[in-house]
Amino acid sequence: HDLLQLCRNTYCSCRESLLKATVRAHLDKLRNQHGLVGMTRLASVFLIRLCTVETSLYLDFFGEKKETDETKTQEGRKSAAQSLGSQVMADDGTYYDAEFQSYLNTLCSALHRTVRRGLVTVLDLDTLCQIVSVLREERSMASSSPTTMAAARAISAVIEDAQERLIFCANNALNKEVIRFRASPSDLDYPAKLTKQSSEKTTEEDAVQKQLQVYESWFPPMRSVLRILSKIFRVVEPRVFEDIARESVQACTRCLKDGAAFILQKKGVVHSDLFLVKHLLILREQLSPFDIELRSVERQLDFSDAGKAVSRFLANRNRRLFSLSTENALVTLLREGVSVQESSVDHKRDLEDALRSACNDFIEHTSQNMARDILNFGQQCKSSDHNLGSQAFMNGDSVKGMLDNTTETLENQLGDIVNQMSLYLDNAATQSILLKPVSRKIHRALDDIRKAVQQTTVGENGWDADIRSAVMKLLDSIETSVKQAAKSGSKG
């Protein structure tokens, strides 16, 4: 038995010295001829084939030979090939000859050496994603047989390195393009970017170009986040992807809020609100296929009891500083004075809250811009309980004048709002969802004004039948205009 083992070891040692340099040279040649991506596939196939051939040769010398007439047929040769695995590995998953497996591991390690040297210079995410995808396919093939497990282990090591490089490059890109992003005026040239996009007419043949124009109109940090996440989604581990997605979405939301603040100063509150609503809606929609939780647990050290713990430590004259038990005074000081506070953070909920807040801001600001006087007057009417008709703000001429001014400007303002919403929001249902609360808010104010007008007395505070009739017609006209605007918004 010792002599047989010595022969096996000598065989493995000689084969290793014979093939090691040749295998490395062949992998280097593949890399020079086909590039890193092409080389990974060809090299993996080569190593799988090498492991199979070397195992067959090794078993020809040291395996159990069972030659029958059946091996001459095609089915016999197939069963013989399948029997290689049973001659290499036991039923419990252990190898019969560890020395031979170590030899195969040494040959296959050339793949890790060759690819790793190329990975350290790669910065392109697409290239790294292709490498990981190719290696995963080849690993699944290598793992299907015990004879090629050495190749599978080598491929797994390369996958880990490629994923590590991919994660580094993805974090580096997110840090540069999102976290440390500084917007230029051209990046925030809204609504001019959307106007340019909508003015360019396209046909069915260049629908792809139309989609690219829509993509280019997005705010750059959000564009970068969605591009990077879509690339790495299927090539990194789920937990790693969730960590990257959580940090990038949080940073992207901050960038969007900063961009909205810039647009507020340059273009006004409506464009600022619509910019934020548009991009938060897109961000939420584009993240939904990833099916991620975006939850994390944040831990912080709490030193609120440190003062009391130090006081007890100093007051204890019998403290044991060098005791190796739990009664050690320093251990007690740390245990009583410092605690860990855990808090759960749901970034998906934060994104929903940010979107809800942006929608509410748009509804409030749009209502005020369209009918500020009506809303304020309606609130006055609602808050006044006694002698409403005699109040100074209920003067008939003043009320009619306020409604006349509102009627003159309302139609243009409604048209502008609907056009701006159509520019920012492509979905007619989304426009309707935002316009309905605005319409309801104005309708409630109009109802409050109607009730107040009905309580006035003819001949008192400037009211007569003609003024009351004119005011009622103006209220109906305003209500009709608001309803039509809401309907036109829902039709897109």
Protein backbone atom coordinates (compact mmCIF):
# COMPACT_ATOMS: atom_id res chain seq x y z
CA HIS A 1 0.00 0.00 0.00
CA ASP A 2 2.84 2.41 0.86
CA LEU A 3 4.53 1.67 -2.45
CA LEU A 4 1.28 2.34 -4.33
CA GLN A 5 0.82 5.62 -2.51
CA LEU A 6 4.38 6.62 -3.31
CA CYS A 7 3.72 5.90 -6.98
CA ARG A 8 0.60 8.03 -6.90
CA ASN A 9 2.40 10.93 -5.26
CA THR A 10 5.28 10.66 -7.70
CA TYR A 11 2.85 10.59 -10.62
CA CYS A 12 1.07 13.74 -9.41
CA SER A 13 4.35 15.54 -8.79
CA CYS A 14 5.69 14.71 -12.24
CA ARG A 15 2.47 15.64 -14.01
CA GLU A 16 2.35 18.94 -12.15
CA SER A 17 5.91 19.87 -13.11
CA LEU A 18 5.13 18.86 -16.67
CA LEU A 19 1.83 20.73 -17.14
CA LYS A 20 1.92 23.70 -14.76
CA ALA A 21 3.94 26.03 -16.96
CA THR A 22 2.11 24.85 -20.10
CA VAL A 23 -1.34 25.54 -18.62
CA ARG A 24 -0.30 29.01 -17.48
CA ALA A 25 1.17 29.83 -20.88
CA HIS A 26 -2.01 28.66 -22.61
CA LEU A 27 -4.22 30.83 -20.35
CA ASP A 28 -1.99 33.86 -20.97
CA LYS A 29 -2.28 33.21 -24.71
CA LEU A 30 -6.06 33.04 -24.48
CA ARG A 31 -6.15 36.34 -22.63
CA ASN A 32 -3.95 38.06 -25.21
CA GLN A 33 -5.99 36.71 -28.12
CA HIS A 34 -9.56 37.01 -26.82
CA GLY A 35 -9.51 39.62 -24.07
CA LEU A 36 -10.52 39.10 -20.47
CA VAL A 37 -14.21 38.26 -21.07
CA GLY A 38 -13.60 35.83 -23.92
CA MET A 39 -10.67 34.29 -22.08
CA THR A 40 -12.75 33.49 -18.98
CA ARG A 41 -15.15 31.33 -20.98
CA LEU A 42 -12.50 29.58 -23.06
CA ALA A 43 -10.23 29.06 -20.07
CA SER A 44 -13.06 27.62 -17.97
CA VAL A 45 -13.99 25.15 -20.72
CA PHE A 46 -10.32 24.27 -21.10
CA LEU A 47 -9.89 23.55 -17.37
CA ILE A 48 -13.07 21.47 -17.22
CA ARG A 49 -11.80 19.39 -20.13
CA LEU A 50 -8.33 19.21 -18.56
CA CYS A 51 -9.72 17.89 -15.26
CA THR A 52 -11.75 15.25 -17.10
CA VAL A 53 -8.81 14.06 -19.21
CA GLU A 54 -6.36 14.07 -16.31
CA THR A 55 -8.80 12.11 -14.12
CA SER A 56 -9.31 9.56 -16.88
CA LEU A 57 -5.56 9.18 -17.37
CA TYR A 58 -4.96 8.88 -13.64
CA LEU A 59 -7.59 6.20 -13.27
CA ASP A 60 -6.09 4.29 -16.20
CA PHE A 61 -3.00 3.84 -14.02
CA PHE A 62 -4.44 3.61 -10.54
CA GLY A 63 -8.18 3.02 -10.89
CA GLU A 64 -10.17 -0.19 -11.01
CA LYS A 65 -10.39 -1.42 -14.60
CA LYS A 66 -13.61 -3.13 -15.55
CA GLU A 67 -13.49 -3.71 -19.28
CA THR A 68 -16.32 -5.61 -20.89
CA ASP A 69 -17.83 -5.78 -24.31
CA GLU A 70 -20.38 -3.16 -23.22
CA THR A 71 -17.72 -0.43 -23.19
CA LYS A 72 -17.41 -0.74 -26.94
CA THR A 73 -20.93 0.48 -27.52
CA GLN A 74 -22.02 4.13 -27.24
CA GLU A 75 -24.12 3.47 -24.14
CA GLY A 76 -21.25 1.59 -22.61
CA ARG A 77 -18.85 4.46 -23.18
CA LYS A 78 -21.38 6.88 -21.66
CA SER A 79 -21.78 4.75 -18.54
CA ALA A 80 -18.01 4.42 -18.31
CA ALA A 81 -17.63 8.20 -18.37
CA GLN A 82 -20.25 8.54 -15.65
CA SER A 83 -18.41 5.97 -13.56
CA LEU A 84 -15.35 8.24 -13.34
CA GLY A 85 -17.09 10.27 -10.67
CA SER A 86 -17.83 7.21 -8.55
CA GLN A 87 -14.17 6.17 -8.74
CA VAL A 88 -13.01 9.61 -7.60
CA MET A 89 -15.46 10.46 -4.81
CA ALA A 90 -17.06 8.33 -2.12
CA ASP A 91 -20.73 8.41 -1.24
CA ASP A 92 -20.04 10.64 1.77
CA GLY A 93 -18.46 13.34 -0.44
CA THR A 94 -14.80 12.62 0.37
CA TYR A 95 -12.19 12.00 -2.32
CA TYR A 96 -10.35 8.70 -2.50
CA ASP A 97 -7.06 10.38 -3.40
CA ALA A 98 -6.49 13.82 -1.88
CA GLU A 99 -3.04 14.11 -3.46
CA PHE A 100 -4.50 13.92 -6.97
CA GLN A 101 -7.15 16.53 -6.12
CA SER A 102 -4.43 18.81 -4.78
CA TYR A 103 -2.62 18.38 -8.10
CA LEU A 104 -5.77 19.38 -10.03
CA ASN A 105 -6.26 22.38 -7.73
CA THR A 106 -2.74 23.53 -8.53
CA LEU A 107 -3.35 23.30 -12.28
CA CYS A 108 -6.68 25.12 -12.05
CA SER A 109 -5.27 27.87 -9.83
CA ALA A 110 -3.66 29.27 -12.99
CA LEU A 111 -7.11 30.61 -13.93
CA HIS A 112 -7.30 32.64 -10.71
CA ARG A 113 -3.77 33.96 -11.26
CA THR A 114 -4.39 35.02 -14.87
CA VAL A 115 -7.84 36.58 -14.41
CA ARG A 116 -6.93 38.37 -11.19
CA ARG A 117 -4.10 40.21 -12.91
CA GLY A 118 -6.59 41.51 -15.45
CA LEU A 119 -9.33 42.34 -12.94
CA VAL A 120 -7.28 44.91 -11.02
CA THR A 121 -7.18 47.17 -14.07
CA VAL A 122 -10.85 46.86 -15.10
CA LEU A 123 -13.10 49.81 -14.24
CA ASP A 124 -15.99 49.17 -16.61
CA LEU A 125 -19.06 47.73 -14.85
CA ASP A 126 -20.37 46.04 -18.01
CA THR A 127 -17.13 44.10 -18.44
CA LEU A 128 -17.12 42.97 -14.83
CA CYS A 129 -20.77 41.91 -15.02
CA GLN A 130 -20.07 39.87 -18.15
CA ILE A 131 -17.14 38.15 -16.45
CA VAL A 132 -19.24 37.17 -13.42
CA SER A 133 -22.11 35.95 -15.62
CA VAL A 134 -19.81 33.83 -17.79
CA LEU A 135 -18.03 32.34 -14.79
CA ARG A 136 -21.33 31.44 -13.11
CA GLU A 137 -22.46 29.54 -16.18
CA GLU A 138 -19.19 27.64 -16.37
CA ARG A 139 -19.18 26.92 -12.64
CA SER A 140 -22.60 25.29 -12.85
CA MET A 141 -21.25 23.01 -15.56
CA ALA A 142 -18.07 22.23 -13.63
CA SER A 143 -20.02 21.47 -10.45
CA SER A 144 -22.11 18.82 -12.17
CA SER A 145 -19.39 16.14 -11.92
CA PRO A 146 -16.97 15.15 -9.11
CA THR A 147 -14.18 14.90 -11.67
CA THR A 148 -14.32 18.65 -12.41
CA MET A 149 -14.83 20.01 -8.90
CA ALA A 150 -11.28 21.37 -8.90
CA ALA A 151 -12.21 23.59 -11.86
CA ALA A 152 -15.43 24.60 -10.07
CA ARG A 153 -13.46 25.65 -6.98
CA ALA A 154 -11.03 27.70 -9.07
CA ILE A 155 -13.90 29.36 -10.93
CA SER A 156 -15.63 30.16 -7.60
CA ALA A 157 -12.49 31.89 -6.35
CA VAL A 158 -12.37 34.01 -9.51
CA ILE A 159 -16.08 34.85 -9.15
CA GLU A 160 -15.46 36.14 -5.63
CA ASP A 161 -12.62 38.35 -6.85
CA ALA A 162 -14.69 39.62 -9.79
CA GLN A 163 -17.63 40.41 -7.50
CA GLU A 164 -15.34 42.18 -5.07
CA ARG A 165 -13.95 44.30 -7.89
CA LEU A 166 -17.48 44.93 -9.20
CA ILE A 167 -18.70 46.08 -5.78
CA PHE A 168 -15.71 48.39 -5.43
CA CYS A 169 -16.26 49.95 -8.86
CA ALA A 170 -20.03 50.28 -8.27
CA ASN A 171 -19.50 52.02 -4.92
CA ASN A 172 -16.86 54.23 -6.47
CA ALA A 173 -19.21 55.23 -9.30
CA LEU A 174 -22.09 55.89 -6.88
CA ASN A 175 -19.85 57.97 -4.66
CA LYS A 176 -18.69 60.06 -7.61
CA GLU A 177 -21.95 60.35 -9.55
CA VAL A 178 -24.47 60.51 -6.70
CA ILE A 179 -23.12 61.12 -3.20
CA ARG A 180 -20.56 63.77 -4.26
CA PHE A 181 -22.56 65.01 -7.24
CA ARG A 182 -22.64 68.75 -7.81
CA ALA A 183 -25.35 69.78 -10.24
CA SER A 184 -24.61 72.31 -12.96
CA PRO A 185 -27.25 74.72 -14.29
CA SER A 186 -27.64 72.54 -17.39
CA ASP A 187 -28.42 69.51 -15.23
CA LEU A 188 -31.31 71.39 -13.62
CA ASP A 189 -32.52 73.22 -16.72
CA TYR A 190 -36.15 72.27 -16.15
CA PRO A 191 -38.59 72.52 -17.82
CA ALA A 192 -36.40 73.35 -20.83
CA LYS A 193 -35.03 69.78 -20.97
CA LEU A 194 -38.56 68.38 -21.08
CA THR A 195 -39.75 70.96 -23.60
CA LYS A 196 -36.90 70.05 -25.94
CA GLN A 197 -37.75 66.37 -25.62
CA SER A 198 -41.46 66.85 -26.34
CA SER A 199 -40.83 69.17 -29.30
CA GLU A 200 -38.79 66.57 -31.19
CA LYS A 201 -41.14 64.47 -33.31
CA THR A 202 -40.34 60.80 -33.70
CA THR A 203 -41.78 57.98 -35.77
CA GLU A 204 -42.27 54.32 -34.99
CA GLU A 205 -38.88 53.46 -36.46
CA ASP A 206 -36.98 55.52 -33.92
CA ALA A 207 -38.98 54.57 -30.83
CA VAL A 208 -35.71 53.51 -29.20
CA GLN A 209 -34.35 56.99 -29.75
CA LYS A 210 -37.46 58.37 -28.08
CA GLN A 211 -36.84 56.21 -25.02
CA LEU A 212 -33.24 57.38 -24.91
CA GLN A 213 -34.42 60.98 -24.95
CA VAL A 214 -36.74 60.27 -22.02
CA TYR A 215 -33.85 58.59 -20.19
CA GLU A 216 -31.55 61.55 -20.85
CA SER A 217 -34.15 63.95 -19.43
CA TRP A 218 -33.87 62.34 -15.99
CA PHE A 219 -31.82 64.01 -13.28
CA PRO A 220 -28.23 62.60 -13.59
CA PRO A 221 -27.89 61.15 -10.04
CA MET A 222 -31.12 59.17 -10.38
CA ARG A 223 -30.07 58.03 -13.83
CA SER A 224 -26.76 56.79 -12.42
CA VAL A 225 -28.40 54.97 -9.50
CA LEU A 226 -30.85 53.08 -11.70
CA ARG A 227 -28.20 52.28 -14.31
CA ILE A 228 -25.74 50.86 -11.77
CA LEU A 229 -28.35 48.91 -9.81
CA SER A 230 -29.78 47.34 -12.97
CA LYS A 231 -26.30 46.16 -13.98
CA ILE A 232 -25.24 44.57 -10.70
CA PHE A 233 -28.66 43.19 -9.69
CA ARG A 234 -28.08 39.61 -10.90
CA VAL A 235 -24.32 39.36 -10.47
CA VAL A 236 -23.80 40.16 -6.76
CA GLU A 237 -25.20 38.51 -3.66
CA PRO A 238 -28.71 39.70 -2.64
CA ARG A 239 -27.61 41.08 0.75
CA VAL A 240 -24.77 43.05 -0.85
CA PHE A 241 -27.13 44.40 -3.49
CA GLU A 242 -29.63 45.54 -0.84
CA ASP A 243 -26.88 47.39 1.05
CA ILE A 244 -25.76 49.19 -2.11
CA ALA A 245 -29.35 49.93 -3.14
CA ARG A 246 -30.24 51.27 0.30
CA GLU A 247 -27.34 53.73 0.42
CA SER A 248 -27.75 54.82 -3.21
CA VAL A 249 -31.51 55.43 -2.91
CA GLN A 250 -30.98 57.47 0.25
CA ALA A 251 -28.30 59.58 -1.45
CA CYS A 252 -30.41 59.94 -4.61
CA THR A 253 -33.39 61.23 -2.60
CA ARG A 254 -31.19 63.87 -1.02
CA CYS A 255 -29.91 64.94 -4.44
CA LEU A 256 -33.47 65.23 -5.77
CA LYS A 257 -34.50 67.43 -2.85
CA ASP A 258 -31.44 69.64 -3.39
CA GLY A 259 -32.27 69.88 -7.09
CA ALA A 260 -35.87 70.83 -6.29
CA ALA A 261 -34.60 73.60 -3.99
CA PHE A 262 -32.45 74.97 -6.84
CA ILE A 263 -35.37 74.91 -9.30
CA LEU A 264 -37.54 76.64 -6.69
CA GLN A 265 -35.22 79.64 -6.76
CA LYS A 266 -34.92 79.74 -10.55
CA LYS A 267 -38.32 78.63 -11.91
CA GLY A 268 -40.81 78.81 -9.07
CA VAL A 269 -42.62 76.49 -6.72
CA VAL A 270 -44.77 74.62 -9.26
CA HIS A 271 -41.79 73.49 -11.37
CA SER A 272 -39.93 72.56 -8.19
CA ASP A 273 -42.79 70.41 -6.93
CA LEU A 274 -43.39 68.73 -10.30
CA PHE A 275 -39.68 68.00 -10.70
CA LEU A 276 -39.58 66.24 -7.34
CA VAL A 277 -42.85 64.35 -7.89
CA LYS A 278 -41.78 63.20 -11.36
CA HIS A 279 -38.41 61.81 -10.28
CA LEU A 280 -39.61 60.21 -7.04
CA LEU A 281 -42.36 58.44 -8.99
CA ILE A 282 -39.83 57.17 -11.53
CA LEU A 283 -37.45 56.08 -8.78
CA ARG A 284 -40.18 54.12 -6.99
CA GLU A 285 -41.40 52.55 -10.23
CA GLN A 286 -37.93 51.52 -11.41
CA LEU A 287 -37.01 50.02 -8.02
CA SER A 288 -40.10 47.79 -7.83
CA PRO A 289 -38.74 45.00 -10.13
CA PHE A 290 -35.77 44.51 -7.80
CA ASP A 291 -38.13 43.39 -5.00
CA ILE A 292 -35.91 44.63 -2.17
CA GLU A 293 -36.83 45.66 1.36
CA LEU A 294 -34.40 48.57 1.86
CA ARG A 295 -34.46 48.06 5.61
CA SER A 296 -31.51 48.38 7.96
CA VAL A 297 -30.74 48.36 11.68
CA GLU A 298 -28.67 51.29 12.90
CA ARG A 299 -26.69 50.91 16.12
CA GLN A 300 -25.45 53.81 18.22
CA LEU A 301 -23.56 53.97 21.49
CA ASP A 302 -25.54 55.58 24.32
CA PHE A 303 -23.43 57.37 26.95
CA SER A 304 -26.36 58.89 28.85
CA ASP A 305 -25.62 56.77 31.96
CA ALA A 306 -21.86 57.19 31.75
CA GLY A 307 -21.79 60.00 34.33
CA LYS A 308 -23.59 57.98 36.98
CA ALA A 309 -21.44 54.93 36.25
CA VAL A 310 -18.23 56.94 36.68
CA SER A 311 -19.52 58.36 39.97
CA ARG A 312 -20.22 54.88 41.29
CA PHE A 313 -16.82 53.73 40.05
CA LEU A 314 -15.01 56.52 41.91
CA ALA A 315 -17.11 56.09 45.05
CA ASN A 316 -16.32 52.38 45.28
CA ARG A 317 -13.13 52.14 47.33
CA ASN A 318 -13.08 48.36 47.21
CA ARG A 319 -13.05 48.19 43.44
CA ARG A 320 -11.10 45.36 41.83
CA LEU A 321 -9.23 46.65 38.83
CA PHE A 322 -7.25 43.53 38.01
CA SER A 323 -9.82 40.85 38.74
CA LEU A 324 -10.40 38.36 35.93
CA SER A 325 -14.08 37.92 36.79
CA THR A 326 -17.28 39.80 36.01
CA GLU A 327 -16.75 41.78 39.22
CA ASN A 328 -13.87 43.69 37.59
CA ALA A 329 -14.51 47.40 38.21
CA LEU A 330 -13.54 48.48 34.69
CA VAL A 331 -15.84 45.87 33.13
CA THR A 332 -18.66 47.03 35.39
CA LEU A 333 -18.00 50.65 34.41
CA LEU A 334 -18.25 49.83 30.70
CA ARG A 335 -21.31 47.62 31.17
CA GLU A 336 -23.24 50.20 33.19
CA GLY A 337 -22.01 53.38 31.49
CA VAL A 338 -22.25 52.44 27.80
CA SER A 339 -25.21 50.81 26.06
CA VAL A 340 -26.07 50.08 22.45
CA GLN A 341 -29.26 51.58 21.03
CA GLU A 342 -30.75 49.87 17.97
CA SER A 343 -33.23 51.47 15.61
CA SER A 344 -34.85 50.02 12.50
CA VAL A 345 -34.78 52.23 9.39
CA ASP A 346 -37.07 51.54 6.43
CA HIS A 347 -35.73 53.49 3.46
CA LYS A 348 -38.56 52.32 1.19
CA ARG A 349 -41.01 53.89 3.61
CA ASP A 350 -38.84 57.03 3.68
CA LEU A 351 -39.07 57.13 -0.12
CA GLU A 352 -42.86 56.79 0.06
CA ASP A 353 -43.01 59.55 2.70
CA ALA A 354 -40.88 61.84 0.52
CA LEU A 355 -43.18 61.20 -2.46
CA ARG A 356 -46.30 61.77 -0.37
CA SER A 357 -44.86 65.00 1.01
CA ALA A 358 -43.95 66.20 -2.49
CA CYS A 359 -47.48 65.47 -3.75
CA ASN A 360 -49.03 67.28 -0.79
CA ASP A 361 -46.77 70.27 -1.36
CA PHE A 362 -47.78 70.39 -5.02
CA ILE A 363 -51.47 70.20 -4.12
CA GLU A 364 -51.14 72.98 -1.54
CA HIS A 365 -49.00 75.27 -3.70
CA THR A 366 -51.13 74.74 -6.80
CA SER A 367 -54.32 75.47 -4.90
CA GLN A 368 -52.84 78.67 -3.53
CA ASN A 369 -51.51 79.80 -6.91
CA MET A 370 -54.81 79.16 -8.67
CA ALA A 371 -57.30 80.45 -6.09
CA ARG A 372 -55.47 82.00 -3.15
CA ASP A 373 -58.10 84.74 -2.66
CA ILE A 374 -60.96 82.24 -2.76
CA LEU A 375 -59.29 79.88 -0.29
CA ASN A 376 -58.47 82.69 2.13
CA PHE A 377 -61.95 84.15 1.85
CA GLY A 378 -63.54 80.74 2.31
CA GLN A 379 -61.48 80.20 5.45
CA GLN A 380 -62.64 83.57 6.80
CA CYS A 381 -66.26 82.67 6.14
CA LYS A 382 -65.85 79.29 7.83
CA SER A 383 -64.15 80.69 10.93
CA SER A 384 -66.72 83.49 11.49
CA ASP A 385 -69.68 82.27 13.55
CA HIS A 386 -71.82 85.30 14.38
CA ASN A 387 -73.24 88.14 12.23
CA LEU A 388 -71.42 86.93 9.13
CA GLY A 389 -73.29 89.28 6.81
CA SER A 390 -72.19 92.34 8.78
CA GLN A 391 -68.48 91.51 8.77
CA ALA A 392 -66.25 94.01 6.95
CA PHE A 393 -64.75 91.36 4.66
CA MET A 394 -68.30 90.42 3.52
CA ASN A 395 -68.92 93.70 1.74
CA GLY A 396 -70.84 92.90 -1.45
CA ASP A 397 -68.73 95.01 -3.81
CA SER A 398 -65.50 93.60 -2.32
CA VAL A 399 -66.66 90.00 -2.69
CA LYS A 400 -67.79 90.55 -6.27
CA GLY A 401 -64.52 92.33 -7.13
CA MET A 402 -62.47 89.47 -5.66
CA LEU A 403 -64.42 86.90 -7.67
CA ASP A 404 -64.12 88.98 -10.86
CA ASN A 405 -60.33 89.13 -10.48
CA THR A 406 -60.15 85.40 -9.80
CA THR A 407 -62.30 84.59 -12.84
CA GLU A 408 -60.11 86.70 -15.12
CA THR A 409 -56.87 84.96 -14.10
CA LEU A 410 -58.15 81.47 -13.31
CA GLU A 411 -58.55 80.21 -16.88
CA ASN A 412 -54.95 81.04 -17.83
CA GLN A 413 -53.62 79.63 -14.57
CA LEU A 414 -55.57 76.40 -15.03
CA GLY A 415 -54.25 76.02 -18.57
CA ASP A 416 -50.68 76.62 -17.43
CA ILE A 417 -50.98 74.08 -14.62
CA VAL A 418 -52.43 71.40 -16.92
CA ASN A 419 -49.73 72.02 -19.55
CA GLN A 420 -46.94 71.88 -16.96
CA MET A 421 -48.30 68.66 -15.51
CA SER A 422 -48.50 67.11 -18.99
CA LEU A 423 -44.88 68.12 -19.53
CA TYR A 424 -43.57 66.53 -16.33
CA LEU A 425 -45.98 63.59 -15.91
CA ASP A 426 -46.62 61.26 -18.84
CA ASN A 427 -49.30 59.23 -17.10
CA ALA A 428 -52.77 60.81 -17.31
CA ALA A 429 -53.89 58.86 -14.24
CA THR A 430 -51.12 60.46 -12.18
CA GLN A 431 -52.18 63.91 -13.37
CA SER A 432 -55.78 63.19 -12.37
CA ILE A 433 -54.71 61.93 -8.92
CA LEU A 434 -52.88 65.21 -8.28
CA LEU A 435 -55.57 67.48 -9.71
CA LYS A 436 -58.54 65.98 -7.89
CA PRO A 437 -57.43 67.13 -4.40
CA VAL A 438 -56.82 70.63 -5.81
CA SER A 439 -60.31 70.65 -7.30
CA ARG A 440 -61.89 69.36 -4.08
CA LYS A 441 -60.10 71.97 -2.01
CA ILE A 442 -61.37 74.81 -4.19
CA HIS A 443 -64.88 73.34 -4.27
CA ARG A 444 -65.02 73.27 -0.46
CA ALA A 445 -64.01 76.92 -0.33
CA LEU A 446 -66.67 77.79 -2.92
CA ASP A 447 -69.30 75.96 -0.87
CA ASP A 448 -68.30 77.92 2.23
CA ILE A 449 -68.59 81.18 0.27
CA ARG A 450 -72.05 80.19 -1.04
CA LYS A 451 -73.28 79.53 2.47
CA ALA A 452 -71.92 82.87 3.61
CA VAL A 453 -73.53 84.76 0.70
CA GLN A 454 -76.90 83.13 1.46
CA GLN A 455 -76.71 84.53 5.00
CA THR A 456 -76.33 88.13 3.80
CA THR A 457 -79.23 90.56 3.98
CA VAL A 458 -80.31 92.71 1.04
CA GLY A 459 -79.62 96.36 1.73
CA GLU A 460 -76.97 95.61 4.32
CA ASN A 461 -73.19 95.83 3.86
CA GLY A 462 -73.46 96.64 0.14
CA TRP A 463 -75.61 93.64 -0.80
CA ASP A 464 -78.61 93.68 -3.13
CA ALA A 465 -80.34 91.17 -5.36
CA ASP A 466 -78.22 91.96 -8.42
CA ILE A 467 -74.89 91.64 -6.58
CA ARG A 468 -75.96 88.39 -4.94
CA SER A 469 -77.05 86.98 -8.31
CA ALA A 470 -73.79 88.09 -9.93
CA VAL A 471 -71.72 86.54 -7.11
CA MET A 472 -73.57 83.24 -7.41
CA LYS A 473 -72.98 83.15 -11.18
CA LEU A 474 -69.28 83.87 -10.64
CA LEU A 475 -69.05 81.05 -8.11
CA ASP A 476 -70.72 78.65 -10.56
CA SER A 477 -68.39 79.80 -13.35
CA ILE A 478 -65.29 79.22 -11.22
CA GLU A 479 -66.52 75.79 -10.18
CA THR A 480 -67.19 74.80 -13.78
CA SER A 481 -63.73 75.94 -14.89
CA VAL A 482 -62.03 73.94 -12.13
CA LYS A 483 -64.04 70.80 -13.02
CA GLN A 484 -63.14 71.12 -16.70
CA ALA A 485 -59.46 71.53 -15.82
CA ALA A 486 -59.57 68.39 -13.69
CA LYS A 487 -61.21 66.45 -16.52
CA SER A 488 -58.71 67.71 -19.11
CA GLY A 489 -55.90 66.65 -16.78
CA SER A 490 -57.33 63.13 -16.49
CA LYS A 491 -57.55 62.89 -20.28
CA GLY A 492 -53.86 63.85 -20.60
